[in-house]
Amino acid sequence: MGKGDKKTKKGKIAQGSFGVNRPKKKVVKKTIDKKGKAKK
């Protein structure tokens, strides 16, 4: 259970892949309201 194990977080970091143990960060889209101010 180390860098060679595809199912662990450490292994996914070493491989550069994502999954259940290493999810991708969700991108927060910003919308602009009528006044021109950025809204989350």
Protein backbone atom coordinates (compact mmCIF):
# COMPACT_ATOMS: atom_id res chain seq x y z
CA MET A 1 0.00 0.00 0.00
CA GLY A 2 2.21 2.76 -1.24
CA LYS A 3 3.05 4.75 -4.35
CA GLY A 4 2.48 1.74 -6.63
CA ASP A 5 -1.05 1.04 -5.37
CA LYS A 6 -3.59 2.61 -7.74
CA LYS A 7 -6.41 2.53 -5.18
CA THR A 8 -4.74 4.67 -2.49
CA LYS A 9 -4.44 8.46 -2.34
CA LYS A 10 -0.63 8.23 -2.38
CA GLY A 11 -0.72 6.00 -5.45
CA LYS A 12 -3.11 8.33 -7.26
CA ILE A 13 -0.83 11.31 -6.54
CA ALA A 14 2.13 9.33 -7.90
CA GLN A 15 0.16 8.38 -11.03
CA GLY A 16 -1.50 11.77 -11.43
CA SER A 17 -5.01 10.32 -11.53
CA PHE A 18 -8.23 11.13 -9.68
CA GLY A 19 -10.99 9.00 -8.15
CA VAL A 20 -12.91 8.27 -4.93
CA ASN A 21 -9.83 8.54 -2.70
CA ARG A 22 -8.54 11.64 -4.52
CA PRO A 23 -11.42 13.71 -5.92
CA LYS A 24 -10.88 16.70 -8.18
CA LYS A 25 -11.62 20.11 -6.70
CA LYS A 26 -14.94 21.51 -7.88
CA VAL A 27 -14.67 24.72 -9.87
CA VAL A 28 -16.85 27.53 -8.50
CA LYS A 29 -18.35 29.51 -11.35
CA LYS A 30 -18.71 33.23 -10.77
CA THR A 31 -21.71 34.98 -12.29
CA ILE A 32 -21.99 38.72 -12.80
CA ASP A 33 -25.21 40.36 -11.67
CA LYS A 34 -26.87 43.39 -13.30
CA LYS A 35 -24.79 45.90 -11.31
CA GLY A 36 -21.52 44.40 -12.57
CA LYS A 37 -20.43 42.86 -9.27
CA ALA A 38 -19.11 39.30 -9.22
CA LYS A 39 -21.32 36.80 -7.46
CA LYS A 40 -20.41 33.26 -6.38
